[in-house]
Amino acid sequence: MQRVAIVGAAGAGKAALAETLGDRMALAVHRPEPGTAPAAREAWARAVCAGPAWVIAAEGARCEAVAAAAADLVIWLDMPLALRLWRLARRGEPAARLRAELRAGLFHGLDLRSRHAALLKAEARARRVMRLGGPGAVRDLLAVLPPDGAVPVA
């Protein structure tokens, strides 16, 4: 695995997992600057994904689609809403962002999950896809990741 895309909602742990995998697999880690416009994020993702080896913490539908299309492995971090909100609050996100994430999680969470599920279903035909549904699943992945960084996919 030389090209790994990590997707998920805000607060899912994309950046932390990207850093950990990048260190273990000796790959460059990329994540978008906070507050970047969707079109700029998409262009940034295209530039990153043109490279031969990387781990990208993709954020936003356009960026996720570009990264997933180029990746050897897509990891979907499908974390519980309460955990994501706690992480966002812990890192000091403004109250308005927390309220927006809560509304999105309560009223549009199924839309977000549907978007990710559709994206990953399309990519699963040609690529490896891994859905991690909680912190325990992330720990399990990291526990079985060998020193050479070969990602086991069941």
Protein backbone atom coordinates (compact mmCIF):
# COMPACT_ATOMS: atom_id res chain seq x y z
CA MET A 1 0.00 0.00 0.00
CA GLN A 2 1.54 3.24 -1.12
CA ARG A 3 -1.55 5.46 -1.45
CA VAL A 4 -3.96 5.57 1.50
CA ALA A 5 -7.02 7.84 1.73
CA ILE A 6 -8.69 8.35 5.10
CA VAL A 7 -12.25 9.72 4.97
CA GLY A 8 -14.81 10.55 7.63
CA ALA A 9 -16.73 13.35 9.28
CA ALA A 10 -15.18 16.16 11.32
CA GLY A 11 -13.73 14.83 14.57
CA ALA A 12 -13.50 11.24 13.33
CA GLY A 13 -9.72 11.11 13.80
CA LYS A 14 -8.56 11.33 10.18
CA ALA A 15 -5.48 13.44 10.89
CA ALA A 16 -4.35 11.36 13.88
CA LEU A 17 -4.68 8.09 11.98
CA ALA A 18 -2.97 9.60 8.92
CA GLU A 19 0.02 10.67 11.05
CA THR A 20 0.26 7.24 12.69
CA LEU A 21 0.03 5.34 9.39
CA GLY A 22 2.44 7.74 7.72
CA ASP A 23 5.02 7.13 10.44
CA ARG A 24 4.61 3.36 10.37
CA MET A 25 4.54 3.09 6.58
CA ALA A 26 7.18 5.79 5.94
CA LEU A 27 4.79 7.73 3.70
CA ALA A 28 4.24 11.46 3.33
CA VAL A 29 1.15 12.63 5.22
CA HIS A 30 -1.12 15.31 3.76
CA ARG A 31 -4.11 17.12 5.21
CA PRO A 32 -5.90 20.22 3.99
CA GLU A 33 -5.54 23.56 5.71
CA PRO A 34 -8.54 24.30 7.95
CA GLY A 35 -11.11 26.57 6.34
CA THR A 36 -10.00 25.90 2.76
CA ALA A 37 -12.79 26.33 0.20
CA PRO A 38 -14.11 23.09 -1.37
CA ALA A 39 -12.79 23.91 -4.87
CA ALA A 40 -9.33 24.71 -3.49
CA ARG A 41 -9.40 21.50 -1.42
CA GLU A 42 -10.24 19.50 -4.53
CA ALA A 43 -7.34 21.06 -6.48
CA TRP A 44 -5.03 20.41 -3.53
CA ALA A 45 -6.16 16.76 -3.38
CA ARG A 46 -5.51 16.33 -7.12
CA ALA A 47 -1.96 17.64 -6.69
CA VAL A 48 -1.28 15.38 -3.69
CA CYS A 49 -2.81 12.32 -5.35
CA ALA A 50 -0.65 12.77 -8.44
CA GLY A 51 2.30 11.65 -6.30
CA PRO A 52 3.45 8.04 -6.07
CA ALA A 53 3.10 7.46 -2.31
CA TRP A 54 1.05 9.23 0.36
CA VAL A 55 -1.46 9.13 3.17
CA ILE A 56 -4.17 11.77 2.87
CA ALA A 57 -6.70 12.84 5.48
CA ALA A 58 -9.42 13.82 3.02
CA GLU A 59 -12.07 16.32 4.08
CA GLY A 60 -15.17 17.26 2.11
CA ALA A 61 -17.03 15.40 -0.63
CA ARG A 62 -14.91 16.64 -3.55
CA CYS A 63 -11.59 16.01 -1.79
CA GLU A 64 -12.76 12.56 -0.62
CA ALA A 65 -13.83 11.57 -4.14
CA VAL A 66 -10.48 12.57 -5.65
CA ALA A 67 -8.47 10.81 -2.93
CA ALA A 68 -10.60 7.64 -2.98
CA ALA A 69 -10.30 7.35 -6.75
CA ALA A 70 -6.50 7.46 -6.57
CA ALA A 71 -5.97 5.37 -3.42
CA ASP A 72 -4.84 1.76 -3.06
CA LEU A 73 -6.71 1.66 0.26
CA VAL A 74 -9.60 3.79 1.53
CA ILE A 75 -10.19 3.85 5.28
CA TRP A 76 -13.60 5.19 6.33
CA LEU A 77 -13.64 6.37 9.94
CA ASP A 78 -17.31 6.01 10.87
CA MET A 79 -17.15 7.23 14.47
CA PRO A 80 -20.15 7.80 16.77
CA LEU A 81 -21.54 11.35 16.82
CA ALA A 82 -20.98 11.79 20.58
CA LEU A 83 -17.29 10.93 20.22
CA ARG A 84 -16.85 13.29 17.27
CA LEU A 85 -18.52 16.17 19.14
CA TRP A 86 -16.36 15.52 22.22
CA ARG A 87 -13.21 15.58 20.07
CA LEU A 88 -14.26 18.80 18.36
CA ALA A 89 -14.97 20.46 21.73
CA ARG A 90 -11.68 19.19 23.17
CA ARG A 91 -9.69 20.74 20.33
CA GLY A 92 -11.42 24.07 20.92
CA GLU A 93 -13.78 24.29 17.96
CA PRO A 94 -16.16 27.28 18.24
CA ALA A 95 -19.63 26.63 19.64
CA ALA A 96 -21.15 27.44 16.24
CA ARG A 97 -19.15 24.60 14.65
CA LEU A 98 -20.26 22.19 17.38
CA ARG A 99 -23.91 23.17 16.86
CA ALA A 100 -23.54 22.74 13.11
CA GLU A 101 -21.95 19.30 13.54
CA LEU A 102 -24.67 18.30 16.00
CA ARG A 103 -27.41 19.38 13.59
CA ALA A 104 -25.63 17.58 10.74
CA GLY A 105 -25.26 14.47 12.86
CA LEU A 106 -28.85 14.44 14.06
CA PHE A 107 -30.64 15.54 10.93
CA HIS A 108 -28.25 14.84 8.09
CA GLY A 109 -26.08 12.10 9.54
CA LEU A 110 -27.73 9.52 7.33
CA ASP A 111 -26.97 11.70 4.29
CA LEU A 112 -23.30 11.84 5.26
CA ARG A 113 -23.20 8.11 5.91
CA SER A 114 -24.97 7.49 2.60
CA ARG A 115 -22.43 9.68 0.81
CA HIS A 116 -19.53 7.78 2.33
CA ALA A 117 -21.19 4.41 1.77
CA ALA A 118 -21.89 5.18 -1.89
CA LEU A 119 -18.36 6.47 -2.41
CA LEU A 120 -16.85 3.39 -0.82
CA LYS A 121 -19.18 0.98 -2.60
CA ALA A 122 -18.06 2.41 -5.94
CA GLU A 123 -14.39 2.22 -4.94
CA ALA A 124 -14.71 -1.30 -3.48
CA ARG A 125 -15.02 -2.78 -6.94
CA ALA A 126 -11.44 -1.94 -7.82
CA ARG A 127 -9.77 -1.09 -4.51
CA ARG A 128 -9.52 -2.17 -0.93
CA VAL A 129 -11.93 -0.43 1.43
CA MET A 130 -11.92 -0.62 5.21
CA ARG A 131 -14.66 0.77 7.48
CA LEU A 132 -13.62 1.40 11.06
CA GLY A 133 -16.71 1.91 13.22
CA GLY A 134 -15.13 3.05 16.47
CA PRO A 135 -11.90 3.67 18.37
CA GLY A 136 -11.57 -0.06 19.10
CA ALA A 137 -11.49 -0.85 15.39
CA VAL A 138 -8.72 1.72 14.89
CA ARG A 139 -6.73 0.18 17.78
CA ASP A 140 -7.25 -3.29 16.28
CA LEU A 141 -5.91 -2.13 12.91
CA LEU A 142 -2.86 -0.52 14.48
CA ALA A 143 -2.23 -3.61 16.63
CA VAL A 144 -1.96 -5.89 13.59
CA LEU A 145 -0.08 -3.45 11.36
CA PRO A 146 3.32 -5.05 10.81
CA PRO A 147 6.53 -3.01 10.99
CA ASP A 148 6.81 -2.91 7.20
CA GLY A 149 3.48 -1.08 7.07
CA ALA A 150 1.58 -3.63 4.94
CA VAL A 151 -2.06 -2.96 5.79
CA PRO A 152 -3.99 -6.22 6.36
CA VAL A 153 -7.42 -6.23 4.73
CA ALA A 154 -9.81 -9.05 5.57
